[in-house]
N, C-alpha and C. Protein backbone atom coordinates (compact mmCIF):
# COMPACT_ATOMS: atom_id res chain seq x y z
N UNK A 1 -116.95 3.35 324.35
CA UNK A 1 -117.13 3.25 325.58
C UNK A 1 -116.09 4.85 326.66
N UNK A 2 -116.33 5.10 327.32
CA UNK A 2 -116.07 6.82 327.60
C UNK A 2 -115.59 6.45 329.00
N UNK A 3 -113.96 6.86 329.07
CA UNK A 3 -113.09 6.40 330.81
C UNK A 3 -112.48 7.60 330.73
N UNK A 4 -111.71 7.33 331.99
CA UNK A 4 -110.91 8.19 332.70
C UNK A 4 -109.76 7.26 332.52
N UNK A 5 -108.82 7.89 331.51
CA UNK A 5 -107.58 7.17 331.61
C UNK A 5 -106.37 8.08 332.14
N UNK A 6 -105.78 6.98 332.96
CA UNK A 6 -105.07 6.66 334.10
C UNK A 6 -103.60 6.05 333.78
N UNK A 7 -102.71 6.45 334.54
CA UNK A 7 -101.39 5.95 334.64
C UNK A 7 -100.82 5.60 336.27
N UNK A 8 -100.37 4.59 336.50
CA UNK A 8 -99.67 4.51 337.49
C UNK A 8 -98.44 5.54 337.67
N UNK A 9 -98.23 6.52 339.36
CA UNK A 9 -97.35 7.22 339.63
C UNK A 9 -95.95 5.95 339.51
N UNK A 10 -94.96 6.28 339.59
CA UNK A 10 -93.47 5.82 339.42
C UNK A 10 -93.19 5.32 341.12
N UNK A 11 -92.80 4.10 341.49
CA UNK A 11 -92.24 3.74 342.66
C UNK A 11 -91.78 4.82 343.46
N UNK A 12 -90.90 5.48 342.58
CA UNK A 12 -90.62 6.71 343.79
C UNK A 12 -91.39 7.87 344.09
N UNK A 13 -92.62 7.93 343.43
CA UNK A 13 -93.21 8.95 344.24
C UNK A 13 -94.19 8.52 345.05
N UNK A 14 -94.63 7.23 344.58
CA UNK A 14 -95.29 6.43 345.54
C UNK A 14 -94.95 6.57 347.11
N UNK A 15 -93.36 6.28 346.65
CA UNK A 15 -93.06 5.90 347.98
C UNK A 15 -92.62 6.76 348.43
N UNK A 16 -92.21 8.17 348.13
CA UNK A 16 -92.55 9.89 348.74
C UNK A 16 -93.55 10.08 349.06
N UNK A 17 -94.98 9.71 348.82
CA UNK A 17 -95.98 9.95 349.00
C UNK A 17 -96.35 9.41 350.65
N UNK A 18 -96.08 7.93 350.40
CA UNK A 18 -95.96 7.66 351.32
C UNK A 18 -95.07 7.24 352.44
N UNK A 19 -94.53 8.33 352.92
CA UNK A 19 -92.86 8.46 354.08
C UNK A 19 -93.97 8.64 354.66
N UNK A 20 -93.67 7.61 355.97
CA UNK A 20 -94.61 8.35 357.65
C UNK A 20 -95.19 7.46 357.18
N UNK A 21 -95.90 7.14 356.63
CA UNK A 21 -96.98 5.97 356.55
C UNK A 21 -96.85 4.44 356.82
N UNK A 22 -97.34 3.75 358.13
CA UNK A 22 -96.75 2.33 358.18
C UNK A 22 -98.00 1.41 358.04
N UNK A 23 -99.19 2.12 358.14
CA UNK A 23 -100.22 1.16 357.85
C UNK A 23 -101.23 1.29 356.89
N UNK A 24 -101.76 0.72 355.88
CA UNK A 24 -102.05 1.52 354.38
C UNK A 24 -103.40 0.45 354.11
N UNK A 25 -104.22 1.07 354.11
CA UNK A 25 -105.29 0.46 353.30
C UNK A 25 -105.85 0.55 352.08
N UNK A 26 -105.69 -0.36 350.81
CA UNK A 26 -105.84 0.46 349.30
C UNK A 26 -106.93 -0.34 348.86
N UNK A 27 -107.59 0.86 348.21
CA UNK A 27 -108.50 0.85 347.34
C UNK A 27 -108.50 1.20 345.51
N UNK A 28 -109.23 -0.09 345.44
CA UNK A 28 -109.06 -0.36 343.36
C UNK A 28 -110.43 0.11 343.35
N UNK A 29 -110.61 0.28 341.95
CA UNK A 29 -111.73 0.71 341.21
C UNK A 29 -112.31 -0.39 339.98
N UNK A 30 -113.66 -1.02 339.98
CA UNK A 30 -114.60 -1.88 339.10
C UNK A 30 -114.40 -1.51 337.85
N UNK A 31 -114.42 -0.06 337.62
CA UNK A 31 -114.33 0.26 336.11
C UNK A 31 -113.61 1.22 335.18
N UNK A 32 -112.80 1.76 335.41
CA UNK A 32 -112.11 2.85 334.71
C UNK A 32 -111.02 2.52 334.98
N UNK A 33 -110.57 2.19 336.11
CA UNK A 33 -109.04 1.53 336.32
C UNK A 33 -108.84 0.26 335.82
N UNK A 34 -109.96 -0.46 336.06
CA UNK A 34 -109.82 -2.08 335.81
C UNK A 34 -109.50 -2.16 334.24
N UNK A 35 -110.74 -1.24 333.29
CA UNK A 35 -110.60 -1.65 332.03
C UNK A 35 -109.40 -0.96 331.46
N UNK A 36 -108.51 -0.26 332.16
CA UNK A 36 -106.96 0.39 331.83
C UNK A 36 -106.04 -0.34 332.37
N UNK A 37 -106.14 -1.74 333.42
CA UNK A 37 -105.60 -1.74 334.29
C UNK A 37 -104.28 -0.98 334.69
N UNK A 38 -104.87 -0.50 335.82
CA UNK A 38 -104.03 0.55 336.32
C UNK A 38 -104.65 0.42 337.90
N UNK A 39 -105.81 -0.04 338.45
CA UNK A 39 -106.27 -0.14 339.73
C UNK A 39 -107.44 -1.40 339.85
N UNK A 40 -107.05 -2.26 339.22
CA UNK A 40 -108.25 -3.04 338.85
C UNK A 40 -107.40 -4.26 340.12
N UNK A 41 -108.31 -5.25 340.75
CA UNK A 41 -108.26 -6.47 341.47
C UNK A 41 -106.32 -6.99 340.98
N UNK A 42 -106.05 -7.11 340.06
CA UNK A 42 -104.58 -7.60 339.86
C UNK A 42 -103.34 -6.09 340.14
N UNK A 43 -103.78 -5.45 339.78
CA UNK A 43 -102.61 -4.14 340.32
C UNK A 43 -103.13 -3.78 341.94
N UNK A 44 -104.16 -4.45 342.52
CA UNK A 44 -104.27 -3.74 344.23
C UNK A 44 -103.61 -4.76 344.54
N UNK A 45 -103.65 -6.15 344.31
CA UNK A 45 -102.83 -6.86 344.68
C UNK A 45 -101.36 -7.05 344.27
N UNK A 46 -101.01 -6.58 343.34
CA UNK A 46 -99.63 -6.64 342.71
C UNK A 46 -99.01 -5.27 343.72
N UNK A 47 -99.81 -3.97 344.05
CA UNK A 47 -99.52 -3.06 344.92
C UNK A 47 -99.20 -3.89 346.41
N UNK A 48 -100.21 -4.49 346.87
CA UNK A 48 -100.37 -5.02 348.43
C UNK A 48 -98.67 -5.99 348.58
N UNK A 49 -98.38 -6.41 347.60
CA UNK A 49 -97.51 -7.43 347.65
C UNK A 49 -96.15 -6.33 347.55
N UNK A 50 -96.85 -5.30 346.76
CA UNK A 50 -94.59 -4.22 346.53
C UNK A 50 -94.64 -3.89 347.98
N UNK A 51 -95.51 -3.02 348.75
CA UNK A 51 -95.65 -2.44 349.60
C UNK A 51 -95.04 -3.13 350.90
N UNK A 52 -95.79 -4.65 350.97
CA UNK A 52 -95.90 -5.50 352.20
C UNK A 52 -93.82 -5.76 351.95
N UNK A 53 -93.76 -5.80 351.04
CA UNK A 53 -91.76 -6.07 350.77
C UNK A 53 -91.14 -5.28 351.57
N UNK A 54 -91.75 -4.02 351.22
CA UNK A 54 -90.79 -2.27 352.02
C UNK A 54 -91.41 -2.55 353.59
N UNK A 55 -91.74 -3.49 353.76
CA UNK A 55 -92.08 -3.10 355.43
C UNK A 55 -93.29 -2.58 355.74
N UNK A 56 -94.42 -2.25 354.91
CA UNK A 56 -95.37 -1.58 355.03
C UNK A 56 -96.47 -2.59 355.65
N UNK A 57 -96.96 -2.54 356.70
CA UNK A 57 -98.34 -2.82 356.58
C UNK A 57 -99.50 -3.04 356.12
N UNK A 58 -99.77 -3.48 355.28
CA UNK A 58 -101.16 -3.43 354.61
C UNK A 58 -102.87 -4.12 355.77
N UNK A 59 -103.68 -3.00 355.98
CA UNK A 59 -104.47 -3.73 356.84
C UNK A 59 -105.68 -4.68 356.44
N UNK A 60 -105.66 -3.70 355.00
CA UNK A 60 -106.47 -4.30 354.06
C UNK A 60 -106.56 -3.80 352.62
N UNK A 61 -107.43 -4.60 351.84
CA UNK A 61 -107.66 -4.09 350.21
C UNK A 61 -109.22 -3.92 349.97
N UNK A 62 -109.69 -3.55 349.14
CA UNK A 62 -110.79 -4.01 347.96
C UNK A 62 -111.12 -2.82 346.89
N UNK A 63 -111.59 -3.46 345.85
CA UNK A 63 -111.89 -2.92 344.71
C UNK A 63 -113.43 -2.35 344.74
N UNK A 64 -113.73 -1.40 344.64
CA UNK A 64 -115.38 -0.88 345.00
C UNK A 64 -115.65 -1.18 343.12
N UNK A 65 -116.87 -1.31 343.45
CA UNK A 65 -117.69 -1.38 341.85
C UNK A 65 -117.51 0.17 341.02
N UNK A 66 -118.06 1.46 341.99
CA UNK A 66 -117.52 2.50 341.26
C UNK A 66 -117.29 3.47 341.93
N UNK A 67 -115.87 4.11 341.66
CA UNK A 67 -115.02 4.48 343.39
C UNK A 67 -115.75 6.23 343.34
N UNK A 68 -116.08 6.42 342.17
CA UNK A 68 -116.51 7.81 342.17
C UNK A 68 -118.23 8.18 342.77
N UNK A 69 -118.73 7.17 342.95
CA UNK A 69 -120.10 6.96 343.51
C UNK A 69 -120.26 7.57 344.61
N UNK A 70 -121.62 7.69 345.24
CA UNK A 70 -121.75 8.43 346.11
C UNK A 70 -122.33 6.89 347.02
N UNK A 71 -122.15 5.90 346.62
CA UNK A 71 -122.63 5.21 347.62
C UNK A 71 -121.36 4.31 347.71
N UNK A 72 -120.03 4.78 347.35
CA UNK A 72 -119.13 4.28 347.57
C UNK A 72 -118.57 3.82 349.33
N UNK A 73 -118.81 5.09 349.88
CA UNK A 73 -118.48 5.39 351.40
C UNK A 73 -119.84 4.29 352.08
N UNK A 74 -120.54 3.83 351.38
CA UNK A 74 -121.41 3.12 352.70
C UNK A 74 -120.71 1.27 352.28
N UNK A 75 -120.46 1.04 350.93
CA UNK A 75 -119.50 -0.06 350.74
C UNK A 75 -118.30 -0.17 351.75
N UNK A 76 -117.26 0.98 351.34
CA UNK A 76 -116.33 0.90 352.66
C UNK A 76 -116.68 0.57 353.50
N UNK A 77 -118.12 1.45 354.32
CA UNK A 77 -118.17 0.68 355.68
C UNK A 77 -117.84 -0.33 356.54
N UNK A 78 -118.08 -1.34 355.42
CA UNK A 78 -118.21 -2.93 355.73
C UNK A 78 -116.68 -3.65 356.02
N UNK A 79 -115.85 -2.37 355.69
CA UNK A 79 -114.46 -2.39 356.16
C UNK A 79 -113.59 -1.52 356.98
N UNK A 80 -114.61 -1.21 357.70
CA UNK A 80 -114.55 -0.04 358.93
C UNK A 80 -113.07 -0.43 359.64
N UNK A 81 -112.92 -1.19 360.15
CA UNK A 81 -111.92 -2.05 361.35
C UNK A 81 -111.12 -2.01 360.69
N UNK A 82 -110.66 -2.11 359.41
CA UNK A 82 -109.30 -2.56 357.94
C UNK A 82 -108.81 -0.79 358.02
N UNK A 83 -110.28 -0.11 357.60
CA UNK A 83 -109.53 0.96 357.16
C UNK A 83 -109.13 2.24 358.68
N UNK A 84 -109.94 1.82 359.86
CA UNK A 84 -109.48 2.51 360.75
C UNK A 84 -108.33 2.10 361.61
N UNK A 85 -107.67 0.72 361.15
CA UNK A 85 -106.35 0.36 361.65
C UNK A 85 -105.41 0.86 360.77
N UNK A 86 -105.75 1.53 359.45
CA UNK A 86 -104.76 2.18 358.76
C UNK A 86 -104.40 3.89 358.90
N UNK A 87 -103.47 4.07 358.76
CA UNK A 87 -103.20 5.97 359.27
C UNK A 87 -103.31 6.51 357.87
N UNK A 88 -103.36 5.76 356.66
CA UNK A 88 -103.71 6.15 355.01
C UNK A 88 -104.09 5.01 354.08
N UNK A 89 -104.92 6.19 353.03
CA UNK A 89 -105.93 5.03 352.47
C UNK A 89 -105.00 5.60 350.93
N UNK A 90 -104.31 4.47 350.43
CA UNK A 90 -103.34 4.33 348.79
C UNK A 90 -105.04 4.23 347.99
N UNK A 91 -104.90 4.99 347.22
CA UNK A 91 -106.64 5.15 346.05
C UNK A 91 -105.72 4.36 344.92
N UNK A 92 -106.20 3.64 344.25
CA UNK A 92 -105.81 3.65 342.90
C UNK A 92 -106.95 3.87 341.65
N UNK A 93 -107.36 4.72 342.07
CA UNK A 93 -108.80 5.25 340.78
C UNK A 93 -108.17 6.45 340.34
N UNK A 94 -109.21 7.17 339.43
CA UNK A 94 -108.69 8.33 338.93
C UNK A 94 -109.31 9.65 340.12
N UNK A 95 -108.44 10.62 339.56
CA UNK A 95 -108.99 11.37 340.58
C UNK A 95 -110.03 12.16 341.27
N UNK A 96 -111.21 11.73 340.15
CA UNK A 96 -112.51 11.68 341.11
C UNK A 96 -113.13 10.96 341.92
N UNK A 97 -112.45 9.67 341.84
CA UNK A 97 -113.01 8.69 342.71
C UNK A 97 -112.05 9.18 344.26
N UNK A 98 -110.57 9.93 343.82
CA UNK A 98 -109.86 9.54 345.07
C UNK A 98 -110.18 10.78 346.07
N UNK A 99 -111.44 11.88 345.28
CA UNK A 99 -111.60 13.09 345.79
C UNK A 99 -113.02 12.49 347.01
N UNK A 100 -113.85 12.12 345.81
CA UNK A 100 -115.43 11.12 346.24
C UNK A 100 -114.86 10.31 347.85
N UNK A 101 -113.60 9.73 347.67
CA UNK A 101 -113.24 8.77 349.11
C UNK A 101 -112.77 9.45 349.96
N UNK A 102 -112.22 10.40 349.71
CA UNK A 102 -111.56 11.73 350.91
C UNK A 102 -112.36 12.79 351.24
N UNK A 103 -113.79 12.54 350.92
CA UNK A 103 -114.86 13.65 351.25
C UNK A 103 -115.43 12.58 351.95
N UNK A 104 -115.80 11.33 351.97
CA UNK A 104 -116.94 10.25 352.83
C UNK A 104 -116.03 9.85 353.88
N UNK A 105 -114.44 9.78 353.87
CA UNK A 105 -113.69 9.31 354.89
C UNK A 105 -112.69 10.16 355.34
N UNK A 106 -112.78 10.03 356.96
CA UNK A 106 -111.61 11.06 357.56
C UNK A 106 -110.42 10.03 357.48
N UNK A 107 -109.70 10.14 356.29
CA UNK A 107 -108.56 9.64 356.66
C UNK A 107 -107.67 10.36 355.61
N UNK A 108 -106.22 10.36 355.91
CA UNK A 108 -105.26 10.48 354.82
C UNK A 108 -105.54 9.59 353.39
N UNK A 109 -105.81 10.55 352.41
CA UNK A 109 -105.99 9.83 351.06
C UNK A 109 -104.34 10.17 350.30
N UNK A 110 -103.90 9.27 349.57
CA UNK A 110 -102.40 8.83 348.53
C UNK A 110 -103.23 8.48 347.09
N UNK A 111 -103.22 9.37 346.23
CA UNK A 111 -103.10 8.62 344.79
C UNK A 111 -102.23 7.83 344.40
N UNK A 112 -102.22 6.66 343.94
CA UNK A 112 -101.15 6.28 343.59
C UNK A 112 -101.18 5.89 342.08
N UNK A 113 -102.16 6.96 341.40
CA UNK A 113 -102.09 7.02 339.88
C UNK A 113 -102.56 8.47 339.44
N UNK A 114 -102.10 8.75 338.05
CA UNK A 114 -102.21 10.45 337.44
C UNK A 114 -103.34 10.07 336.33
N UNK A 115 -104.43 10.82 336.41
CA UNK A 115 -105.35 11.17 335.66
C UNK A 115 -104.46 11.82 334.25
N UNK A 116 -104.90 11.21 333.60
CA UNK A 116 -104.41 12.00 332.23
C UNK A 116 -105.43 12.38 331.07
N UNK A 117 -106.56 12.00 331.09
CA UNK A 117 -107.95 12.46 330.21
C UNK A 117 -108.56 11.59 329.71
N UNK A 118 -110.03 12.50 329.44
CA UNK A 118 -111.16 11.47 329.01
C UNK A 118 -111.24 10.74 328.22
N UNK A 119 -110.85 9.46 327.94
CA UNK A 119 -110.48 9.12 326.02
C UNK A 119 -111.77 7.81 326.23
N UNK A 120 -111.90 7.31 325.07
CA UNK A 120 -112.75 6.37 324.12
C UNK A 120 -111.68 5.23 323.92
N UNK A 121 -112.03 3.80 324.04
CA UNK A 121 -111.74 2.95 323.89
C UNK A 121 -112.09 2.76 322.08
N UNK A 122 -111.07 2.98 321.39
CA UNK A 122 -111.09 2.63 319.66
C UNK A 122 -110.41 1.49 319.37
N UNK A 123 -109.94 0.87 320.17
CA UNK A 123 -109.49 -0.53 319.60
C UNK A 123 -109.41 -1.34 320.85
N UNK A 124 -109.16 -2.44 320.73
CA UNK A 124 -108.87 -3.04 321.75
C UNK A 124 -107.87 -2.77 322.68
N UNK A 125 -107.78 -2.34 323.75
CA UNK A 125 -106.71 -1.71 324.79
C UNK A 125 -105.74 -0.20 324.45
N UNK A 126 -107.14 0.30 323.15
CA UNK A 126 -106.44 1.49 323.30
C UNK A 126 -107.29 2.44 323.18
N UNK A 127 -106.70 3.40 324.01
CA UNK A 127 -107.99 4.83 324.04
C UNK A 127 -107.25 5.64 323.76
N UNK A 128 -108.08 6.48 323.55
CA UNK A 128 -107.71 8.15 322.46
C UNK A 128 -108.50 8.86 323.07
N UNK A 129 -107.93 10.23 323.70
CA UNK A 129 -108.29 11.42 323.99
C UNK A 129 -109.61 11.95 323.30
N UNK A 130 -110.57 11.85 323.82
CA UNK A 130 -111.71 12.80 323.16
C UNK A 130 -111.77 14.12 323.21
N UNK A 131 -111.74 14.63 324.76
CA UNK A 131 -111.89 15.38 324.81
C UNK A 131 -111.23 16.13 326.27
N UNK A 132 -110.85 17.39 326.23
CA UNK A 132 -109.96 18.23 327.49
C UNK A 132 -110.87 18.84 328.27
N UNK A 133 -112.25 18.80 327.62
CA UNK A 133 -112.87 20.00 328.66
C UNK A 133 -112.53 20.94 329.14
N UNK A 134 -112.22 21.84 327.58
CA UNK A 134 -111.91 23.07 327.63
C UNK A 134 -112.79 24.07 327.88
N UNK A 135 -113.95 23.83 327.42
CA UNK A 135 -114.96 24.76 327.33
C UNK A 135 -115.22 25.89 327.01
N UNK A 136 -114.46 26.17 325.56
CA UNK A 136 -114.76 26.46 324.52
C UNK A 136 -114.92 25.49 323.05
N UNK A 137 -116.29 24.71 323.23
CA UNK A 137 -116.16 23.59 321.70
C UNK A 137 -116.84 24.61 320.69
N UNK A 138 -115.83 23.94 320.10
CA UNK A 138 -116.36 24.65 318.27
C UNK A 138 -116.59 23.66 317.44
N UNK A 139 -116.48 22.21 317.92
CA UNK A 139 -116.88 21.28 316.65
C UNK A 139 -118.10 21.49 315.63
N UNK A 140 -118.90 22.08 316.51
CA UNK A 140 -119.85 22.85 315.22
C UNK A 140 -119.92 23.52 313.76
N UNK A 141 -118.18 24.23 314.18
CA UNK A 141 -117.98 24.19 313.40
C UNK A 141 -116.73 23.61 312.09
N UNK A 142 -116.76 22.51 312.66
CA UNK A 142 -115.12 21.67 312.35
C UNK A 142 -115.75 20.04 311.96
N UNK A 143 -117.00 20.13 311.90
CA UNK A 143 -117.73 18.96 311.15
C UNK A 143 -117.82 17.98 312.86
N UNK A 144 -118.05 18.03 314.15
CA UNK A 144 -117.75 17.31 314.38
C UNK A 144 -116.44 16.18 315.10
N UNK A 145 -115.31 17.46 314.76
CA UNK A 145 -114.41 16.59 314.78
C UNK A 145 -113.01 17.47 315.63
N UNK A 146 -112.86 17.26 316.79
CA UNK A 146 -112.55 18.19 317.64
C UNK A 146 -110.91 18.63 317.27
N UNK A 147 -110.34 19.86 316.84
CA UNK A 147 -109.16 20.20 316.20
C UNK A 147 -108.26 20.25 317.79
N UNK A 148 -108.45 20.63 319.40
CA UNK A 148 -108.13 20.77 320.05
C UNK A 148 -107.13 19.34 320.76
N UNK A 149 -108.24 18.22 320.51
CA UNK A 149 -107.51 17.11 320.62
C UNK A 149 -107.29 16.23 319.96
N UNK A 150 -107.90 16.42 319.11
CA UNK A 150 -106.91 15.70 317.17
C UNK A 150 -105.69 15.76 316.92
N UNK A 151 -105.44 17.56 317.05
CA UNK A 151 -104.04 18.15 316.52
C UNK A 151 -103.77 17.92 317.60
N UNK A 152 -101.84 17.70 317.44
CA UNK A 152 -100.96 17.50 318.53
C UNK A 152 -100.64 18.84 318.19
N UNK A 153 -101.19 19.83 318.08
CA UNK A 153 -100.62 21.26 318.40
C UNK A 153 -101.40 21.99 318.60
N UNK A 154 -103.05 21.70 318.41
CA UNK A 154 -104.70 22.01 319.11
C UNK A 154 -104.59 23.34 318.61
N UNK A 155 -103.89 23.24 317.14
CA UNK A 155 -104.57 24.55 316.44
C UNK A 155 -106.19 24.89 316.02
N UNK A 156 -106.47 25.73 315.96
CA UNK A 156 -108.24 26.12 315.54
C UNK A 156 -108.43 26.75 314.51
N UNK A 157 -107.67 27.08 313.73
CA UNK A 157 -107.63 27.87 312.36
C UNK A 157 -106.86 27.40 311.23
N UNK A 158 -107.05 25.53 311.00
CA UNK A 158 -106.55 25.18 310.11
C UNK A 158 -105.28 24.34 310.01
N UNK A 159 -105.06 23.90 308.96
CA UNK A 159 -103.78 23.32 309.53
C UNK A 159 -102.03 23.83 309.21
N UNK A 160 -100.99 23.50 309.96
CA UNK A 160 -100.11 23.87 310.05
C UNK A 160 -98.99 23.95 308.76
N UNK A 161 -98.12 24.35 308.57
CA UNK A 161 -97.43 24.33 307.13
C UNK A 161 -96.33 23.06 307.69
N UNK A 162 -96.64 21.73 308.28
CA UNK A 162 -95.53 20.99 308.51
C UNK A 162 -96.42 19.85 307.95
N UNK A 163 -97.91 19.63 307.89
CA UNK A 163 -98.96 18.75 307.51
C UNK A 163 -98.14 17.97 306.03
N UNK A 164 -98.26 16.77 304.95
CA UNK A 164 -97.97 16.15 304.51
C UNK A 164 -98.48 14.76 304.17
N UNK A 165 -98.66 15.45 303.16
CA UNK A 165 -99.61 14.43 301.72
C UNK A 165 -101.06 13.78 303.00
N UNK A 166 -101.49 14.98 303.89
CA UNK A 166 -102.49 14.45 305.05
C UNK A 166 -102.26 14.13 305.98
N UNK A 167 -100.66 13.61 306.28
CA UNK A 167 -100.82 13.04 307.91
C UNK A 167 -99.60 14.51 308.77
N UNK A 168 -99.85 13.82 309.63
CA UNK A 168 -99.40 14.70 310.61
C UNK A 168 -97.73 14.92 310.43
N UNK A 169 -97.37 16.29 311.13
CA UNK A 169 -95.89 16.69 310.81
C UNK A 169 -95.23 15.89 312.22
N UNK A 170 -95.48 15.82 313.52
CA UNK A 170 -95.22 15.40 314.78
C UNK A 170 -95.75 13.59 314.43
N UNK A 171 -96.61 12.91 314.00
CA UNK A 171 -96.75 11.62 313.92
C UNK A 171 -97.16 11.54 312.59
N UNK A 172 -96.00 10.69 312.08
CA UNK A 172 -96.32 10.31 310.13
C UNK A 172 -97.23 9.40 310.36
N UNK A 173 -97.78 8.87 311.34
CA UNK A 173 -98.52 7.47 310.99
C UNK A 173 -100.31 7.78 311.41
N UNK A 174 -100.36 9.20 311.68
CA UNK A 174 -101.65 10.19 312.11
C UNK A 174 -102.07 10.71 311.10
N UNK A 175 -103.62 10.87 310.55
CA UNK A 175 -103.85 11.84 309.82
C UNK A 175 -104.25 13.44 310.70
N UNK A 176 -104.01 14.16 309.58
CA UNK A 176 -103.88 15.43 309.85
C UNK A 176 -105.46 15.81 310.77
N UNK A 177 -105.12 16.18 311.61
CA UNK A 177 -106.91 16.53 312.11
C UNK A 177 -107.79 17.50 310.71
N UNK A 178 -106.65 18.53 310.69
CA UNK A 178 -107.48 19.43 309.62
C UNK A 178 -108.05 18.96 308.01
N UNK A 179 -106.99 17.78 308.04
CA UNK A 179 -107.09 17.37 306.59
C UNK A 179 -108.77 16.98 306.52
N UNK A 180 -108.83 15.48 308.00
CA UNK A 180 -109.68 15.20 308.52
C UNK A 180 -110.94 16.11 308.46
N UNK A 181 -110.68 17.32 309.15
CA UNK A 181 -112.18 18.43 309.22
C UNK A 181 -112.52 18.50 307.65
N UNK A 182 -111.45 18.65 306.81
CA UNK A 182 -111.81 19.19 305.71
C UNK A 182 -112.83 18.36 304.59
N UNK A 183 -112.25 17.19 304.60
CA UNK A 183 -112.79 16.40 303.70
C UNK A 183 -113.95 16.24 304.63
N UNK A 184 -114.78 16.21 305.78
CA UNK A 184 -115.78 16.30 306.39
C UNK A 184 -116.66 17.20 305.81
N UNK A 185 -115.98 18.10 306.34
CA UNK A 185 -116.98 19.60 305.56
C UNK A 185 -117.36 19.67 304.17
N UNK A 186 -116.49 18.64 303.56
CA UNK A 186 -116.55 19.14 301.91
C UNK A 186 -117.80 17.95 301.60
N UNK A 187 -117.59 16.89 302.52
CA UNK A 187 -118.38 15.80 302.07
C UNK A 187 -120.14 16.38 302.48
N UNK A 188 -119.85 16.83 303.48
CA UNK A 188 -121.28 17.86 303.59
C UNK A 188 -121.63 19.03 302.96
N UNK A 189 -120.71 19.94 302.17
CA UNK A 189 -120.94 21.04 301.50
C UNK A 189 -120.80 22.04 302.17
N UNK A 190 -119.94 22.49 303.20
CA UNK A 190 -119.88 22.78 303.86
C UNK A 190 -118.58 23.70 304.49
N UNK A 191 -117.58 23.85 303.27
CA UNK A 191 -116.39 24.02 303.38
C UNK A 191 -116.57 25.45 303.93
N UNK A 192 -117.38 26.59 303.85
CA UNK A 192 -117.65 27.60 304.17
C UNK A 192 -117.52 27.74 306.10
N UNK A 193 -117.57 27.24 306.70
CA UNK A 193 -117.69 26.78 308.20
C UNK A 193 -115.99 26.96 308.39
N UNK A 194 -115.00 26.58 307.40
CA UNK A 194 -113.30 26.96 307.63
C UNK A 194 -112.76 28.39 307.86
N UNK A 195 -113.70 28.87 307.08
CA UNK A 195 -113.45 30.42 306.67
C UNK A 195 -113.32 31.16 308.08
N UNK A 196 -114.19 30.42 308.82
CA UNK A 196 -114.35 31.46 310.28
C UNK A 196 -113.33 31.16 311.28
N UNK A 197 -113.30 32.44 311.30
CA UNK A 197 -111.85 33.06 312.26
C UNK A 197 -112.19 32.12 313.73
N UNK A 198 -111.51 31.49 314.32
CA UNK A 198 -111.67 31.06 316.02
C UNK A 198 -110.78 32.00 316.17
N UNK A 199 -111.01 32.57 317.51
CA UNK A 199 -110.56 33.75 318.27
C UNK A 199 -109.61 32.47 319.02
N UNK A 200 -108.23 33.16 319.05
CA UNK A 200 -107.35 32.40 320.13
C UNK A 200 -107.50 31.24 321.10
N UNK A 201 -107.40 30.63 321.27
CA UNK A 201 -107.74 30.26 322.66
C UNK A 201 -107.30 30.87 324.13
N UNK A 202 -108.08 30.67 324.60
CA UNK A 202 -108.03 31.04 326.70
C UNK A 202 -107.60 29.71 327.38
N UNK A 203 -105.96 29.58 327.09
CA UNK A 203 -105.32 28.36 327.77
C UNK A 203 -105.92 28.16 328.87
N UNK A 204 -105.97 29.53 330.03
CA UNK A 204 -106.64 29.65 331.41
C UNK A 204 -107.83 29.64 331.35
N UNK A 205 -108.55 28.86 330.33
CA UNK A 205 -109.88 28.07 330.22
C UNK A 205 -111.05 29.15 331.04
N UNK A 206 -112.34 28.54 331.51
CA UNK A 206 -112.99 29.00 332.70
C UNK A 206 -112.61 28.92 334.08
N UNK A 207 -113.42 29.79 334.89
CA UNK A 207 -112.93 30.16 336.07
C UNK A 207 -113.30 29.20 336.74
N UNK A 208 -112.11 28.97 337.89
CA UNK A 208 -111.87 27.22 338.62
C UNK A 208 -112.17 27.68 340.33
N UNK A 209 -112.78 26.95 340.90
CA UNK A 209 -113.40 25.62 340.72
C UNK A 209 -114.40 25.96 339.38
N UNK A 210 -114.79 24.91 338.63
CA UNK A 210 -116.03 24.90 337.88
C UNK A 210 -117.01 24.38 338.44
N UNK A 211 -118.28 25.53 337.72
CA UNK A 211 -119.58 25.21 338.61
C UNK A 211 -120.38 25.22 337.49
N UNK A 212 -121.61 24.38 337.70
CA UNK A 212 -122.69 24.49 336.56
C UNK A 212 -124.13 23.61 337.89
N UNK A 213 -124.96 24.78 337.11
CA UNK A 213 -126.31 24.34 338.00
C UNK A 213 -127.28 24.34 336.81
N UNK A 214 -128.19 23.34 337.19
CA UNK A 214 -129.88 23.36 335.94
C UNK A 214 -130.41 24.37 336.32
N UNK A 215 -130.49 25.24 334.70
CA UNK A 215 -131.20 26.35 334.99
C UNK A 215 -130.31 27.84 334.77
N UNK A 216 -129.03 27.83 335.10
CA UNK A 216 -128.44 28.88 335.99
C UNK A 216 -127.85 29.72 334.65
């Protein structure tokens, strides 16, 4: 299961962002942030109570099924009066959800969360980053294991000098990504792939904002 992984901003940052806003409508999401416990019903209610205790007037709150869906605007239409009464929308979703809502409603929007990465649930309640969406995918040469996300240093041409008995220098509980890549390629008789030199990563990435068109 792939999710946008988020974490709640600090109380200080939220207070600063809401400075000057006295009437607030809170929006959560029923998908990613519900699963990560950062913007589901319990978190939205807790935020409502916290802000109310500081003197903020909460005009209403809702957890929409999918905040980044274009139908969200229609769903929020059912709360039109409560939203109209608010001067600010505090949105407890990933950045995609915040932008979707901002494009649909003529209201000041404030994100309550920071979006960290795209992750996959690897154990109950644990999400590991699987893709940074860097635009320079090399997993065809690394047996389907991404060194950019699996190596703490993001090395694309083999392990660093600190790997010890197949473990990562930075996190000894973590398998070295390049040991995993070596073992995977060795299993399929493709160790020759490791000899291909990968160009230094372009940390500037693709020109922003990104754009993709079918047939383009």
